[in-house]
Amino acid sequence: MLQELQKLQSSTASLPQSLQSSFPDLSATISELRNIVTSKDITLNEKATRVGIEVRDCVNPLLEDAKKRVRELVGIATSEKTTEHANGNRVLG
């Protein structure tokens, strides 16, 4: 799980700034999950409980925001493609 969190954090850092700014809580959420998983002061059951709470309270809303943003971007791209067709411009793809 730690490796996947590190991959996610690295991938997030390589996104364009405009996308990074769309999800300001992502880095904090990844850090919190890493802190929970690596904590030596709590039991495995408590870690599982805390990770579940973090997923419910932070990860799920982030994923919903991401889906919403992707839908908006797809809508914009579709709208632009339709406009290009209407204007008689050549559309690649």
PDB file of N, CA and C in Angstrom:
ATOM      1  N   MET A   1       0.825  -1.186   0.000  1.00  0.00           N
ATOM      2  CA  MET A   1       0.000   0.000   0.000  1.00  0.00           C
ATOM      3  C   MET A   1       0.876   1.259   0.000  1.00  0.00           C
ATOM      4  N   LEU A   2       1.963   1.218   0.746  1.00  0.00           N
ATOM      5  CA  LEU A   2       2.868   2.360   0.784  1.00  0.00           C
ATOM      6  C   LEU A   2       3.454   2.659  -0.584  1.00  0.00           C
ATOM      7  N   GLN A   3       3.820   1.609  -1.310  1.00  0.00           N
ATOM      8  CA  GLN A   3       4.366   1.804  -2.649  1.00  0.00           C
ATOM      9  C   GLN A   3       3.339   2.457  -3.567  1.00  0.00           C
ATOM     10  N   GLU A   4       2.095   2.024  -3.458  1.00  0.00           N
ATOM     11  CA  GLU A   4       1.045   2.603  -4.286  1.00  0.00           C
ATOM     12  C   GLU A   4       0.809   4.069  -3.914  1.00  0.00           C
ATOM     13  N   LEU A   5       0.854   4.388  -2.634  1.00  0.00           N
ATOM     14  CA  LEU A   5       0.704   5.775  -2.204  1.00  0.00           C
ATOM     15  C   LEU A   5       1.847   6.636  -2.740  1.00  0.00           C
ATOM     16  N   GLN A   6       3.064   6.084  -2.713  1.00  0.00           N
ATOM     17  CA  GLN A   6       4.212   6.824  -3.229  1.00  0.00           C
ATOM     18  C   GLN A   6       4.079   7.046  -4.736  1.00  0.00           C
ATOM     19  N   LYS A   7       3.619   6.020  -5.465  1.00  0.00           N
ATOM     20  CA  LYS A   7       3.401   6.166  -6.900  1.00  0.00           C
ATOM     21  C   LYS A   7       2.356   7.248  -7.182  1.00  0.00           C
ATOM     22  N   LEU A   8       1.280   7.215  -6.398  1.00  0.00           N
ATOM     23  CA  LEU A   8       0.209   8.185  -6.574  1.00  0.00           C
ATOM     24  C   LEU A   8       0.715   9.594  -6.302  1.00  0.00           C
ATOM     25  N   GLN A   9       1.498   9.750  -5.251  1.00  0.00           N
ATOM     26  CA  GLN A   9       2.024  11.062  -4.925  1.00  0.00           C
ATOM     27  C   GLN A   9       2.984  11.550  -6.018  1.00  0.00           C
ATOM     28  N   SER A  10       3.818  10.672  -6.546  1.00  0.00           N
ATOM     29  CA  SER A  10       4.724  11.041  -7.634  1.00  0.00           C
ATOM     30  C   SER A  10       3.946  11.413  -8.887  1.00  0.00           C
ATOM     31  N   SER A  11       2.935  10.638  -9.203  1.00  0.00           N
ATOM     32  CA  SER A  11       2.114  10.926 -10.379  1.00  0.00           C
ATOM     33  C   SER A  11       1.404  12.262 -10.235  1.00  0.00           C
ATOM     34  N   THR A  12       0.917  12.523  -9.043  1.00  0.00           N
ATOM     35  CA  THR A  12       0.225  13.783  -8.787  1.00  0.00           C
ATOM     36  C   THR A  12       1.164  14.966  -8.968  1.00  0.00           C
ATOM     37  N   ALA A  13       2.396  14.822  -8.502  1.00  0.00           N
ATOM     38  CA  ALA A  13       3.369  15.909  -8.613  1.00  0.00           C
ATOM     39  C   ALA A  13       3.719  16.207 -10.062  1.00  0.00           C
ATOM     40  N   SER A  14       3.561  15.231 -10.942  1.00  0.00           N
ATOM     41  CA  SER A  14       3.909  15.449 -12.350  1.00  0.00           C
ATOM     42  C   SER A  14       2.740  15.984 -13.177  1.00  0.00           C
ATOM     43  N   LEU A  15       1.573  16.122 -12.554  1.00  0.00           N
ATOM     44  CA  LEU A  15       0.421  16.671 -13.274  1.00  0.00           C
ATOM     45  C   LEU A  15       0.618  18.168 -13.516  1.00  0.00           C
ATOM     46  N   PRO A  16       0.001  18.694 -14.557  1.00  0.00           N
ATOM     47  CA  PRO A  16       0.060  20.147 -14.770  1.00  0.00           C
ATOM     48  C   PRO A  16      -0.501  20.881 -13.544  1.00  0.00           C
ATOM     49  N   GLN A  17       0.029  22.058 -13.282  1.00  0.00           N
ATOM     50  CA  GLN A  17      -0.375  22.824 -12.101  1.00  0.00           C
ATOM     51  C   GLN A  17      -1.883  23.062 -12.069  1.00  0.00           C
ATOM     52  N   SER A  18      -2.486  23.248 -13.240  1.00  0.00           N
ATOM     53  CA  SER A  18      -3.927  23.498 -13.284  1.00  0.00           C
ATOM     54  C   SER A  18      -4.721  22.318 -12.722  1.00  0.00           C
ATOM     55  N   LEU A  19      -4.257  21.104 -12.994  1.00  0.00           N
ATOM     56  CA  LEU A  19      -4.932  19.929 -12.433  1.00  0.00           C
ATOM     57  C   LEU A  19      -4.606  19.749 -10.962  1.00  0.00           C
ATOM     58  N   GLN A  20      -3.351  20.005 -10.590  1.00  0.00           N
ATOM     59  CA  GLN A  20      -2.980  19.894  -9.180  1.00  0.00           C
ATOM     60  C   GLN A  20      -3.828  20.830  -8.327  1.00  0.00           C
ATOM     61  N   SER A  21      -4.063  22.031  -8.840  1.00  0.00           N
ATOM     62  CA  SER A  21      -4.836  22.998  -8.068  1.00  0.00           C
ATOM     63  C   SER A  21      -6.306  22.609  -7.971  1.00  0.00           C
ATOM     64  N   SER A  22      -6.758  21.718  -8.850  1.00  0.00           N
ATOM     65  CA  SER A  22      -8.140  21.240  -8.778  1.00  0.00           C
ATOM     66  C   SER A  22      -8.359  20.293  -7.601  1.00  0.00           C
ATOM     67  N   PHE A  23      -7.268  19.716  -7.105  1.00  0.00           N
ATOM     68  CA  PHE A  23      -7.359  18.747  -6.012  1.00  0.00           C
ATOM     69  C   PHE A  23      -6.360  19.093  -4.910  1.00  0.00           C
ATOM     70  N   PRO A  24      -6.579  20.216  -4.209  1.00  0.00           N
ATOM     71  CA  PRO A  24      -5.589  20.677  -3.234  1.00  0.00           C
ATOM     72  C   PRO A  24      -5.412  19.741  -2.037  1.00  0.00           C
ATOM     73  N   ASP A  25      -6.408  18.946  -1.723  1.00  0.00           N
ATOM     74  CA  ASP A  25      -6.327  18.078  -0.544  1.00  0.00           C
ATOM     75  C   ASP A  25      -5.689  16.732  -0.835  1.00  0.00           C
ATOM     76  N   LEU A  26      -5.342  16.469  -2.085  1.00  0.00           N
ATOM     77  CA  LEU A  26      -4.820  15.157  -2.451  1.00  0.00           C
ATOM     78  C   LEU A  26      -3.514  14.829  -1.734  1.00  0.00           C
ATOM     79  N   SER A  27      -2.570  15.735  -1.744  1.00  0.00           N
ATOM     80  CA  SER A  27      -1.282  15.471  -1.086  1.00  0.00           C
ATOM     81  C   SER A  27      -1.459  15.266   0.410  1.00  0.00           C
ATOM     82  N   ALA A  28      -2.303  16.073   1.021  1.00  0.00           N
ATOM     83  CA  ALA A  28      -2.549  15.933   2.456  1.00  0.00           C
ATOM     84  C   ALA A  28      -3.194  14.590   2.772  1.00  0.00           C
ATOM     85  N   THR A  29      -4.100  14.162   1.932  1.00  0.00           N
ATOM     86  CA  THR A  29      -4.769  12.875   2.132  1.00  0.00           C
ATOM     87  C   THR A  29      -3.785  11.722   1.983  1.00  0.00           C
ATOM     88  N   ILE A  30      -2.935  11.792   0.970  1.00  0.00           N
ATOM     89  CA  ILE A  30      -1.927  10.749   0.765  1.00  0.00           C
ATOM     90  C   ILE A  30      -0.986  10.697   1.960  1.00  0.00           C
ATOM     91  N   SER A  31      -0.568  11.856   2.440  1.00  0.00           N
ATOM     92  CA  SER A  31       0.326  11.904   3.606  1.00  0.00           C
ATOM     93  C   SER A  31      -0.341  11.311   4.837  1.00  0.00           C
ATOM     94  N   GLU A  32      -1.597  11.633   5.035  1.00  0.00           N
ATOM     95  CA  GLU A  32      -2.320  11.107   6.197  1.00  0.00           C
ATOM     96  C   GLU A  32      -2.451   9.591   6.116  1.00  0.00           C
ATOM     97  N   LEU A  33      -2.760   9.070   4.938  1.00  0.00           N
ATOM     98  CA  LEU A  33      -2.838   7.613   4.784  1.00  0.00           C
ATOM     99  C   LEU A  33      -1.483   6.967   5.071  1.00  0.00           C
ATOM    100  N   ARG A  34      -0.420   7.570   4.571  1.00  0.00           N
ATOM    101  CA  ARG A  34       0.915   7.035   4.824  1.00  0.00           C
ATOM    102  C   ARG A  34       1.225   7.061   6.330  1.00  0.00           C
ATOM    103  N   ASN A  35       0.871   8.145   6.999  1.00  0.00           N
ATOM    104  CA  ASN A  35       1.106   8.244   8.444  1.00  0.00           C
ATOM    105  C   ASN A  35       0.350   7.163   9.210  1.00  0.00           C
ATOM    106  N   ILE A  36      -0.868   6.912   8.801  1.00  0.00           N
ATOM    107  CA  ILE A  36      -1.663   5.875   9.467  1.00  0.00           C
ATOM    108  C   ILE A  36      -1.017   4.506   9.271  1.00  0.00           C
ATOM    109  N   VAL A  37      -0.687   4.194   8.026  1.00  0.00           N
ATOM    110  CA  VAL A  37      -0.150   2.867   7.698  1.00  0.00           C
ATOM    111  C   VAL A  37       1.201   2.625   8.373  1.00  0.00           C
ATOM    112  N   THR A  38       2.027   3.648   8.461  1.00  0.00           N
ATOM    113  CA  THR A  38       3.372   3.458   9.019  1.00  0.00           C
ATOM    114  C   THR A  38       3.449   3.660  10.529  1.00  0.00           C
ATOM    115  N   SER A  39       2.366   4.066  11.148  1.00  0.00           N
ATOM    116  CA  SER A  39       2.372   4.299  12.586  1.00  0.00           C
ATOM    117  C   SER A  39       2.662   3.008  13.341  1.00  0.00           C
ATOM    118  N   LYS A  40       3.567   3.106  14.295  1.00  0.00           N
ATOM    119  CA  LYS A  40       3.913   1.937  15.111  1.00  0.00           C
ATOM    120  C   LYS A  40       3.165   1.915  16.441  1.00  0.00           C
ATOM    121  N   ASP A  41       2.425   2.990  16.707  1.00  0.00           N
ATOM    122  CA  ASP A  41       1.757   3.139  17.998  1.00  0.00           C
ATOM    123  C   ASP A  41       0.323   2.623  18.024  1.00  0.00           C
ATOM    124  N   ILE A  42      -0.186   2.136  16.898  1.00  0.00           N
ATOM    125  CA  ILE A  42      -1.567   1.663  16.880  1.00  0.00           C
ATOM    126  C   ILE A  42      -1.634   0.247  16.315  1.00  0.00           C
ATOM    127  N   THR A  43      -2.674  -0.453  16.715  1.00  0.00           N
ATOM    128  CA  THR A  43      -2.847  -1.841  16.281  1.00  0.00           C
ATOM    129  C   THR A  43      -3.295  -1.894  14.824  1.00  0.00           C
ATOM    130  N   LEU A  44      -3.196  -3.076  14.251  1.00  0.00           N
ATOM    131  CA  LEU A  44      -3.610  -3.289  12.868  1.00  0.00           C
ATOM    132  C   LEU A  44      -5.100  -2.980  12.705  1.00  0.00           C
ATOM    133  N   ASN A  45      -5.917  -3.399  13.674  1.00  0.00           N
ATOM    134  CA  ASN A  45      -7.354  -3.119  13.606  1.00  0.00           C
ATOM    135  C   ASN A  45      -7.621  -1.619  13.616  1.00  0.00           C
ATOM    136  N   GLU A  46      -6.896  -0.892  14.459  1.00  0.00           N
ATOM    137  CA  GLU A  46      -7.068   0.559  14.521  1.00  0.00           C
ATOM    138  C   GLU A  46      -6.611   1.215  13.219  1.00  0.00           C
ATOM    139  N   LYS A  47      -5.529   0.702  12.633  1.00  0.00           N
ATOM    140  CA  LYS A  47      -5.074   1.225  11.341  1.00  0.00           C
ATOM    141  C   LYS A  47      -6.158   1.037  10.283  1.00  0.00           C
ATOM    142  N   ALA A  48      -6.730  -0.156  10.259  1.00  0.00           N
ATOM    143  CA  ALA A  48      -7.787  -0.443   9.283  1.00  0.00           C
ATOM    144  C   ALA A  48      -8.977   0.494   9.482  1.00  0.00           C
ATOM    145  N   THR A  49      -9.342   0.724  10.723  1.00  0.00           N
ATOM    146  CA  THR A  49     -10.451   1.628  11.029  1.00  0.00           C
ATOM    147  C   THR A  49     -10.132   3.046  10.567  1.00  0.00           C
ATOM    148  N   ARG A  50      -8.930   3.514  10.887  1.00  0.00           N
ATOM    149  CA  ARG A  50      -8.539   4.882  10.512  1.00  0.00           C
ATOM    150  C   ARG A  50      -8.429   5.049   8.995  1.00  0.00           C
ATOM    151  N   VAL A  51      -7.889   4.038   8.330  1.00  0.00           N
ATOM    152  CA  VAL A  51      -7.808   4.104   6.865  1.00  0.00           C
ATOM    153  C   VAL A  51      -9.218   4.151   6.286  1.00  0.00           C
ATOM    154  N   GLY A  52     -10.120   3.343   6.820  1.00  0.00           N
ATOM    155  CA  GLY A  52     -11.512   3.353   6.351  1.00  0.00           C
ATOM    156  C   GLY A  52     -12.163   4.708   6.519  1.00  0.00           C
ATOM    157  N   ILE A  53     -11.922   5.343   7.649  1.00  0.00           N
ATOM    158  CA  ILE A  53     -12.480   6.676   7.900  1.00  0.00           C
ATOM    159  C   ILE A  53     -11.880   7.691   6.929  1.00  0.00           C
ATOM    160  N   GLU A  54     -10.567   7.609   6.723  1.00  0.00           N
ATOM    161  CA  GLU A  54      -9.899   8.531   5.802  1.00  0.00           C
ATOM    162  C   GLU A  54     -10.427   8.356   4.380  1.00  0.00           C
ATOM    163  N   VAL A  55     -10.628   7.119   3.979  1.00  0.00           N
ATOM    164  CA  VAL A  55     -11.172   6.856   2.640  1.00  0.00           C
ATOM    165  C   VAL A  55     -12.576   7.430   2.530  1.00  0.00           C
ATOM    166  N   ARG A  56     -13.392   7.179   3.525  1.00  0.00           N
ATOM    167  CA  ARG A  56     -14.776   7.667   3.496  1.00  0.00           C
ATOM    168  C   ARG A  56     -14.834   9.193   3.505  1.00  0.00           C
ATOM    169  N   ASP A  57     -14.045   9.808   4.378  1.00  0.00           N
ATOM    170  CA  ASP A  57     -14.140  11.257   4.570  1.00  0.00           C
ATOM    171  C   ASP A  57     -13.339  12.069   3.556  1.00  0.00           C
ATOM    172  N   CYS A  58     -12.265  11.502   3.027  1.00  0.00           N
ATOM    173  CA  CYS A  58     -11.387  12.294   2.150  1.00  0.00           C
ATOM    174  C   CYS A  58     -11.222  11.717   0.754  1.00  0.00           C
ATOM    175  N   VAL A  59     -10.942  10.434   0.660  1.00  0.00           N
ATOM    176  CA  VAL A  59     -10.658   9.846  -0.652  1.00  0.00           C
ATOM    177  C   VAL A  59     -11.914   9.820  -1.521  1.00  0.00           C
ATOM    178  N   ASN A  60     -13.023   9.360  -0.974  1.00  0.00           N
ATOM    179  CA  ASN A  60     -14.248   9.308  -1.779  1.00  0.00           C
ATOM    180  C   ASN A  60     -14.653  10.674  -2.316  1.00  0.00           C
ATOM    181  N   PRO A  61     -14.648  11.734  -1.483  1.00  0.00           N
ATOM    182  CA  PRO A  61     -14.967  13.058  -2.047  1.00  0.00           C
ATOM    183  C   PRO A  61     -13.966  13.508  -3.121  1.00  0.00           C
ATOM    184  N   LEU A  62     -12.682  13.188  -2.942  1.00  0.00           N
ATOM    185  CA  LEU A  62     -11.694  13.531  -3.967  1.00  0.00           C
ATOM    186  C   LEU A  62     -11.990  12.811  -5.275  1.00  0.00           C
ATOM    187  N   LEU A  63     -12.347  11.542  -5.183  1.00  0.00           N
ATOM    188  CA  LEU A  63     -12.675  10.778  -6.392  1.00  0.00           C
ATOM    189  C   LEU A  63     -13.926  11.324  -7.074  1.00  0.00           C
ATOM    190  N   GLU A  64     -14.904  11.719  -6.286  1.00  0.00           N
ATOM    191  CA  GLU A  64     -16.114  12.320  -6.862  1.00  0.00           C
ATOM    192  C   GLU A  64     -15.779  13.621  -7.572  1.00  0.00           C
ATOM    193  N   ASP A  65     -14.935  14.443  -6.955  1.00  0.00           N
ATOM    194  CA  ASP A  65     -14.501  15.690  -7.596  1.00  0.00           C
ATOM    195  C   ASP A  65     -13.737  15.399  -8.887  1.00  0.00           C
ATOM    196  N   ALA A  66     -12.894  14.373  -8.861  1.00  0.00           N
ATOM    197  CA  ALA A  66     -12.123  14.009 -10.055  1.00  0.00           C
ATOM    198  C   ALA A  66     -13.056  13.563 -11.178  1.00  0.00           C
ATOM    199  N   LYS A  67     -14.044  12.735 -10.856  1.00  0.00           N
ATOM    200  CA  LYS A  67     -15.005  12.296 -11.872  1.00  0.00           C
ATOM    201  C   LYS A  67     -15.755  13.491 -12.458  1.00  0.00           C
ATOM    202  N   LYS A  68     -16.143  14.411 -11.595  1.00  0.00           N
ATOM    203  CA  LYS A  68     -16.859  15.601 -12.039  1.00  0.00           C
ATOM    204  C   LYS A  68     -15.980  16.434 -12.972  1.00  0.00           C
ATOM    205  N   ARG A  69     -14.715  16.601 -12.606  1.00  0.00           N
ATOM    206  CA  ARG A  69     -13.778  17.380 -13.421  1.00  0.00           C
ATOM    207  C   ARG A  69     -13.543  16.717 -14.783  1.00  0.00           C
ATOM    208  N   VAL A  70     -13.395  15.399 -14.780  1.00  0.00           N
ATOM    209  CA  VAL A  70     -13.200  14.669 -16.042  1.00  0.00           C
ATOM    210  C   VAL A  70     -14.428  14.825 -16.932  1.00  0.00           C
ATOM    211  N   ARG A  71     -15.610  14.728 -16.341  1.00  0.00           N
ATOM    212  CA  ARG A  71     -16.838  14.912 -17.133  1.00  0.00           C
ATOM    213  C   ARG A  71     -16.876  16.308 -17.751  1.00  0.00           C
ATOM    214  N   GLU A  72     -16.465  17.321 -16.962  1.00  0.00           N
ATOM    215  CA  GLU A  72     -16.436  18.689 -17.481  1.00  0.00           C
ATOM    216  C   GLU A  72     -15.457  18.799 -18.654  1.00  0.00           C
ATOM    217  N   LEU A  73     -14.266  18.204 -18.492  1.00  0.00           N
ATOM    218  CA  LEU A  73     -13.266  18.266 -19.553  1.00  0.00           C
ATOM    219  C   LEU A  73     -13.723  17.533 -20.802  1.00  0.00           C
ATOM    220  N   VAL A  74     -14.367  16.383 -20.622  1.00  0.00           N
ATOM    221  CA  VAL A  74     -14.900  15.642 -21.767  1.00  0.00           C
ATOM    222  C   VAL A  74     -15.988  16.471 -22.442  1.00  0.00           C
ATOM    223  N   GLY A  75     -16.807  17.133 -21.658  1.00  0.00           N
ATOM    224  CA  GLY A  75     -17.852  17.992 -22.220  1.00  0.00           C
ATOM    225  C   GLY A  75     -17.262  19.136 -23.020  1.00  0.00           C
ATOM    226  N   ILE A  76     -16.204  19.743 -22.509  1.00  0.00           N
ATOM    227  CA  ILE A  76     -15.542  20.833 -23.215  1.00  0.00           C
ATOM    228  C   ILE A  76     -14.944  20.321 -24.526  1.00  0.00           C
ATOM    229  N   ALA A  77     -14.258  19.189 -24.459  1.00  0.00           N
ATOM    230  CA  ALA A  77     -13.635  18.620 -25.656  1.00  0.00           C
ATOM    231  C   ALA A  77     -14.696  18.258 -26.690  1.00  0.00           C
ATOM    232  N   THR A  78     -15.786  17.678 -26.251  1.00  0.00           N
ATOM    233  CA  THR A  78     -16.872  17.304 -27.160  1.00  0.00           C
ATOM    234  C   THR A  78     -17.484  18.543 -27.784  1.00  0.00           C
ATOM    235  N   SER A  79     -17.664  19.570 -26.977  1.00  0.00           N
ATOM    236  CA  SER A  79     -18.229  20.825 -27.468  1.00  0.00           C
ATOM    237  C   SER A  79     -17.312  21.465 -28.504  1.00  0.00           C
ATOM    238  N   GLU A  80     -16.007  21.450 -28.240  1.00  0.00           N
ATOM    239  CA  GLU A  80     -15.047  22.019 -29.186  1.00  0.00           C
ATOM    240  C   GLU A  80     -15.047  21.237 -30.498  1.00  0.00           C
ATOM    241  N   LYS A  81     -15.126  19.916 -30.395  1.00  0.00           N
ATOM    242  CA  LYS A  81     -15.135  19.079 -31.592  1.00  0.00           C
ATOM    243  C   LYS A  81     -16.393  19.357 -32.419  1.00  0.00           C
ATOM    244  N   THR A  82     -17.526  19.505 -31.744  1.00  0.00           N
ATOM    245  CA  THR A  82     -18.784  19.802 -32.421  1.00  0.00           C
ATOM    246  C   THR A  82     -18.715  21.167 -33.100  1.00  0.00           C
ATOM    247  N   THR A  83     -18.119  22.147 -32.416  1.00  0.00           N
ATOM    248  CA  THR A  83     -17.966  23.486 -32.990  1.00  0.00           C
ATOM    249  C   THR A  83     -17.075  23.451 -34.217  1.00  0.00           C
ATOM    250  N   GLU A  84     -15.990  22.676 -34.159  1.00  0.00           N
ATOM    251  CA  GLU A  84     -15.096  22.563 -35.307  1.00  0.00           C
ATOM    252  C   GLU A  84     -15.822  21.958 -36.499  1.00  0.00           C
ATOM    253  N   HIS A  85     -16.632  20.934 -36.245  1.00  0.00           N
ATOM    254  CA  HIS A  85     -17.408  20.333 -37.325  1.00  0.00           C
ATOM    255  C   HIS A  85     -18.374  21.350 -37.918  1.00  0.00           C
ATOM    256  N   ALA A  86     -19.038  22.091 -37.052  1.00  0.00           N
ATOM    257  CA  ALA A  86     -20.027  23.066 -37.509  1.00  0.00           C
ATOM    258  C   ALA A  86     -19.381  24.180 -38.338  1.00  0.00           C
ATOM    259  N   ASN A  87     -18.144  24.516 -37.987  1.00  0.00           N
ATOM    260  CA  ASN A  87     -17.439  25.575 -38.713  1.00  0.00           C
ATOM    261  C   ASN A  87     -16.765  25.051 -39.979  1.00  0.00           C
ATOM    262  N   GLY A  88     -16.823  23.765 -40.218  1.00  0.00           N
ATOM    263  CA  GLY A  88     -16.227  23.186 -41.399  1.00  0.00           C
ATOM    264  C   GLY A  88     -14.736  22.971 -41.296  1.00  0.00           C
ATOM    265  N   ASN A  89     -14.187  23.080 -40.106  1.00  0.00           N
ATOM    266  CA  ASN A  89     -12.759  22.835 -39.915  1.00  0.00           C
ATOM    267  C   ASN A  89     -12.485  21.339 -39.897  1.00  0.00           C
ATOM    268  N   ARG A  90     -11.311  20.995 -40.341  1.00  0.00           N
ATOM    269  CA  ARG A  90     -10.902  19.592 -40.334  1.00  0.00           C
ATOM    270  C   ARG A  90     -10.619  19.167 -38.885  1.00  0.00           C
ATOM    271  N   VAL A  91     -11.172  18.041 -38.500  1.00  0.00           N
ATOM    272  CA  VAL A  91     -10.977  17.519 -37.152  1.00  0.00           C
ATOM    273  C   VAL A  91     -10.105  16.266 -37.258  1.00  0.00           C
ATOM    274  N   LEU A  92      -9.016  16.278 -36.512  1.00  0.00           N
ATOM    275  CA  LEU A  92      -8.148  15.103 -36.509  1.00  0.00           C
ATOM    276  C   LEU A  92      -8.640  14.130 -35.468  1.00  0.00           C
ATOM    277  N   GLY A  93      -8.449  12.851 -35.719  1.00  0.00           N
ATOM    278  CA  GLY A  93      -8.784  11.863 -34.703  1.00  0.00           C
ATOM    279  C   GLY A  93      -9.764  10.944 -35.155  1.00  0.00           C
TER     280      GLY A  93
END
